[in-house]
Amino acid sequence: MLRDGPGGTRRVGDGDVTDVLTLRRLGAVGFAELGRDELMSELGDIERLANRLAGYRAQVLGALDQLDRSGVAPDAAPHLSLREATGVSESDARRLVRSGEKTREHGPVLVALSDGDINPAQAEVLSDARVPEDVRDDLVVAAASENTDETRQRVRRAEVEHSSETSMERFERQRQARGAGWRRDHEGTLRL
């Protein structure tokens, strides 16, 4: 549970208290007094906090998944539980559950996301990378000082360099990944 404490927001649970990244809240006057560098710093702090929260969400979803698997609290549709708890759309909930599952499969990716070093898009790219785990670990370290586009490019190069997939295996993987779909948007229009 998060609570406001004297030093800002604190993580409270099982009797231990750990400081987490805090943000100051500024009004219009406060923002007007900040220069570009200070505003850029604020944006960086916001993003690190959002990344850390995404990592924490992945861990909470993992704990719910463990309860489901153990039979203690079966959940036939984790995405619907997430939607109910947060109010996100069903499609967003599905995406968040899938992303959390992929991130939890790779410990260093989850740690980097939970520490705020990488963003959720980078975590997904790194989790999906078809490379040996030691190479993935190196990619995670590099991603901490890159933007998402640079991480994608680095992952693509690493996949080419470390590919153990034959051309037929790649063709079959690509063939199975093909698909089409449809949905209705918020106005009822059918989107293909």
Protein backbone atom coordinates (compact mmCIF):
# COMPACT_ATOMS: atom_id res chain seq x y z
CA MET A 1 0.00 0.00 0.00
CA LEU A 2 1.29 3.48 -0.76
CA ARG A 3 0.95 6.15 1.89
CA ASP A 4 2.10 9.73 2.09
CA GLY A 5 4.73 10.14 4.74
CA PRO A 6 6.93 12.99 5.93
CA GLY A 7 9.54 12.33 3.23
CA GLY A 8 7.01 11.82 0.47
CA THR A 9 5.34 8.63 -0.64
CA ARG A 10 6.39 5.47 1.15
CA ARG A 11 5.80 1.81 0.43
CA VAL A 12 4.17 0.14 3.41
CA GLY A 13 3.77 -3.59 3.78
CA ASP A 14 4.67 -6.43 6.12
CA GLY A 15 6.07 -3.98 8.62
CA ASP A 16 8.83 -2.65 6.35
CA VAL A 17 8.92 0.83 4.91
CA THR A 18 10.91 1.59 1.78
CA ASP A 19 11.31 4.99 0.16
CA VAL A 20 10.19 5.22 -3.45
CA LEU A 21 10.56 7.94 -6.05
CA THR A 22 8.43 10.94 -5.17
CA LEU A 23 7.19 13.83 -7.24
CA ARG A 24 6.47 17.33 -6.09
CA ARG A 25 3.13 18.78 -7.08
CA LEU A 26 3.28 22.21 -8.60
CA GLY A 27 0.52 24.65 -9.47
CA ALA A 28 0.49 26.97 -12.46
CA VAL A 29 2.67 29.49 -10.60
CA GLY A 30 5.22 26.78 -9.70
CA PHE A 31 5.50 25.65 -13.31
CA ALA A 32 5.92 29.21 -14.51
CA GLU A 33 8.97 29.59 -12.25
CA LEU A 34 10.78 26.55 -13.69
CA GLY A 35 13.20 26.72 -16.58
CA ARG A 36 13.47 24.24 -19.43
CA ASP A 37 16.10 22.09 -17.69
CA GLU A 38 14.01 21.83 -14.54
CA LEU A 39 10.89 20.93 -16.54
CA MET A 40 12.85 18.28 -18.45
CA SER A 41 14.04 16.89 -15.12
CA GLU A 42 10.42 16.75 -13.91
CA LEU A 43 9.46 14.82 -17.05
CA GLY A 44 12.29 12.35 -16.41
CA ASP A 45 11.12 11.83 -12.83
CA ILE A 46 7.55 11.26 -13.99
CA GLU A 47 8.69 8.68 -16.54
CA ARG A 48 10.89 6.82 -14.02
CA LEU A 49 7.96 6.65 -11.62
CA ALA A 50 5.61 5.42 -14.37
CA ASN A 51 8.17 2.75 -15.32
CA ARG A 52 8.55 1.62 -11.72
CA LEU A 53 4.78 1.41 -11.36
CA ALA A 54 4.57 -0.68 -14.55
CA GLY A 55 7.11 -3.09 -13.05
CA TYR A 56 5.17 -3.20 -9.80
CA ARG A 57 1.94 -3.88 -11.73
CA ALA A 58 3.65 -6.80 -13.48
CA GLN A 59 4.68 -8.18 -10.08
CA VAL A 60 1.16 -7.80 -8.63
CA LEU A 61 -0.29 -9.53 -11.69
CA GLY A 62 2.27 -12.30 -11.17
CA ALA A 63 1.15 -12.72 -7.55
CA LEU A 64 -2.46 -12.95 -8.73
CA ASP A 65 -1.39 -15.52 -11.31
CA GLN A 66 0.29 -17.57 -8.55
CA LEU A 67 -2.93 -17.49 -6.50
CA ASP A 68 -4.82 -18.67 -9.58
CA ARG A 69 -2.38 -21.52 -10.28
CA SER A 70 -2.36 -22.65 -6.65
CA GLY A 71 -6.15 -22.82 -6.60
CA VAL A 72 -6.34 -20.44 -3.64
CA ALA A 73 -8.10 -17.77 -5.69
CA PRO A 74 -8.95 -19.11 -9.16
CA ASP A 75 -9.30 -16.43 -11.80
CA ALA A 76 -10.62 -17.58 -15.15
CA ALA A 77 -10.01 -14.19 -16.75
CA PRO A 78 -7.17 -12.15 -15.20
CA HIS A 79 -7.69 -9.37 -17.73
CA LEU A 80 -11.29 -8.94 -16.55
CA SER A 81 -10.11 -8.75 -12.94
CA LEU A 82 -7.60 -6.06 -13.96
CA ARG A 83 -10.31 -4.18 -15.83
CA GLU A 84 -12.57 -4.35 -12.77
CA ALA A 85 -9.82 -3.16 -10.42
CA THR A 86 -8.54 -0.32 -12.60
CA GLY A 87 -11.26 0.72 -15.01
CA VAL A 88 -9.10 0.21 -18.11
CA SER A 89 -10.70 -1.16 -21.25
CA GLU A 90 -10.82 -4.90 -21.80
CA SER A 91 -8.34 -4.70 -24.68
CA ASP A 92 -5.93 -2.61 -22.59
CA ALA A 93 -6.30 -5.07 -19.72
CA ARG A 94 -5.48 -8.00 -22.05
CA ARG A 95 -2.42 -6.13 -23.33
CA LEU A 96 -1.23 -5.30 -19.80
CA VAL A 97 -1.67 -8.91 -18.63
CA ARG A 98 0.24 -10.25 -21.67
CA SER A 99 2.98 -7.67 -21.23
CA GLY A 100 3.31 -8.51 -17.54
CA GLU A 101 3.57 -12.23 -18.32
CA LYS A 102 6.33 -11.65 -20.86
CA THR A 103 8.23 -9.30 -18.57
CA ARG A 104 8.11 -11.74 -15.64
CA GLU A 105 9.64 -14.48 -17.82
CA HIS A 106 12.93 -12.55 -17.89
CA GLY A 107 14.18 -11.52 -14.45
CA PRO A 108 16.64 -8.81 -15.57
CA VAL A 109 13.94 -7.17 -17.71
CA LEU A 110 11.51 -7.11 -14.77
CA VAL A 111 14.18 -5.71 -12.44
CA ALA A 112 15.15 -2.96 -14.91
CA LEU A 113 11.49 -2.00 -15.39
CA SER A 114 10.78 -2.08 -11.65
CA ASP A 115 13.84 0.09 -11.01
CA GLY A 116 12.59 2.62 -13.59
CA ASP A 117 15.64 2.10 -15.82
CA ILE A 118 13.60 1.06 -18.88
CA ASN A 119 10.06 1.79 -20.01
CA PRO A 120 7.27 -0.74 -20.70
CA ALA A 121 7.83 -0.58 -24.48
CA GLN A 122 11.51 -1.41 -24.01
CA ALA A 123 10.58 -4.21 -21.60
CA GLU A 124 8.31 -5.72 -24.24
CA VAL A 125 10.93 -5.47 -26.99
CA LEU A 126 13.56 -7.03 -24.72
CA SER A 127 11.19 -9.79 -23.60
CA ASP A 128 10.30 -10.64 -27.20
CA ALA A 129 13.92 -10.68 -28.38
CA ARG A 130 14.90 -14.04 -29.86
CA VAL A 131 18.41 -14.10 -28.41
CA PRO A 132 20.26 -16.16 -25.79
CA GLU A 133 19.66 -15.02 -22.19
CA ASP A 134 23.21 -13.70 -21.70
CA VAL A 135 22.77 -11.51 -24.79
CA ARG A 136 19.38 -10.34 -23.48
CA ASP A 137 21.05 -9.38 -20.19
CA ASP A 138 23.54 -7.20 -22.11
CA LEU A 139 20.67 -5.64 -24.09
CA VAL A 140 18.87 -4.77 -20.85
CA VAL A 141 21.96 -2.98 -19.53
CA ALA A 142 22.32 -1.03 -22.79
CA ALA A 143 18.61 -0.16 -22.87
CA ALA A 144 18.90 1.76 -19.61
CA SER A 145 20.73 4.54 -21.45
CA GLU A 146 18.75 4.39 -24.71
CA ASN A 147 15.36 5.43 -25.97
CA THR A 148 12.86 2.85 -27.22
CA ASP A 149 13.80 3.27 -30.91
CA GLU A 150 17.49 2.70 -30.16
CA THR A 151 16.61 -0.40 -28.10
CA ARG A 152 14.53 -1.81 -30.98
CA GLN A 153 17.43 -1.28 -33.40
CA ARG A 154 19.92 -2.87 -31.01
CA VAL A 155 17.61 -5.88 -30.48
CA ARG A 156 17.17 -6.35 -34.25
CA ARG A 157 20.95 -6.33 -34.75
CA ALA A 158 21.42 -8.80 -31.89
CA GLU A 159 18.74 -11.12 -33.30
CA VAL A 160 20.50 -11.17 -36.67
CA GLU A 161 23.91 -11.66 -35.07
CA HIS A 162 22.81 -14.40 -32.66
CA SER A 163 20.13 -16.12 -34.71
CA SER A 164 20.13 -19.89 -34.51
CA GLU A 165 16.92 -20.11 -36.51
CA THR A 166 17.07 -21.59 -40.03
CA SER A 167 15.36 -19.79 -42.88
CA MET A 168 12.60 -22.43 -42.87
CA GLU A 169 12.07 -22.02 -39.12
CA ARG A 170 11.87 -18.25 -39.56
CA PHE A 171 9.39 -18.69 -42.44
CA GLU A 172 7.22 -21.00 -40.32
CA ARG A 173 7.32 -18.63 -37.33
CA GLN A 174 6.36 -15.71 -39.54
CA ARG A 175 3.59 -17.74 -41.18
CA GLN A 176 2.09 -18.64 -37.81
CA ALA A 177 2.27 -15.01 -36.66
CA ARG A 178 0.11 -13.84 -39.57
CA GLY A 179 -3.43 -12.92 -38.85
CA ALA A 180 -6.27 -10.52 -39.23
CA GLY A 181 -8.85 -9.19 -36.88
CA TRP A 182 -11.72 -6.81 -36.41
CA ARG A 183 -13.21 -4.71 -33.65
CA ARG A 184 -15.75 -1.99 -33.18
CA ASP A 185 -14.47 1.41 -32.10
CA HIS A 186 -16.15 3.67 -29.55
CA GLU A 187 -18.52 4.99 -32.21
CA GLY A 188 -19.59 1.52 -33.37
CA THR A 189 -17.53 1.62 -36.57
CA LEU A 190 -16.13 -1.74 -37.65
CA ARG A 191 -12.32 -1.66 -37.91
CA LEU A 192 -10.45 -4.36 -39.83
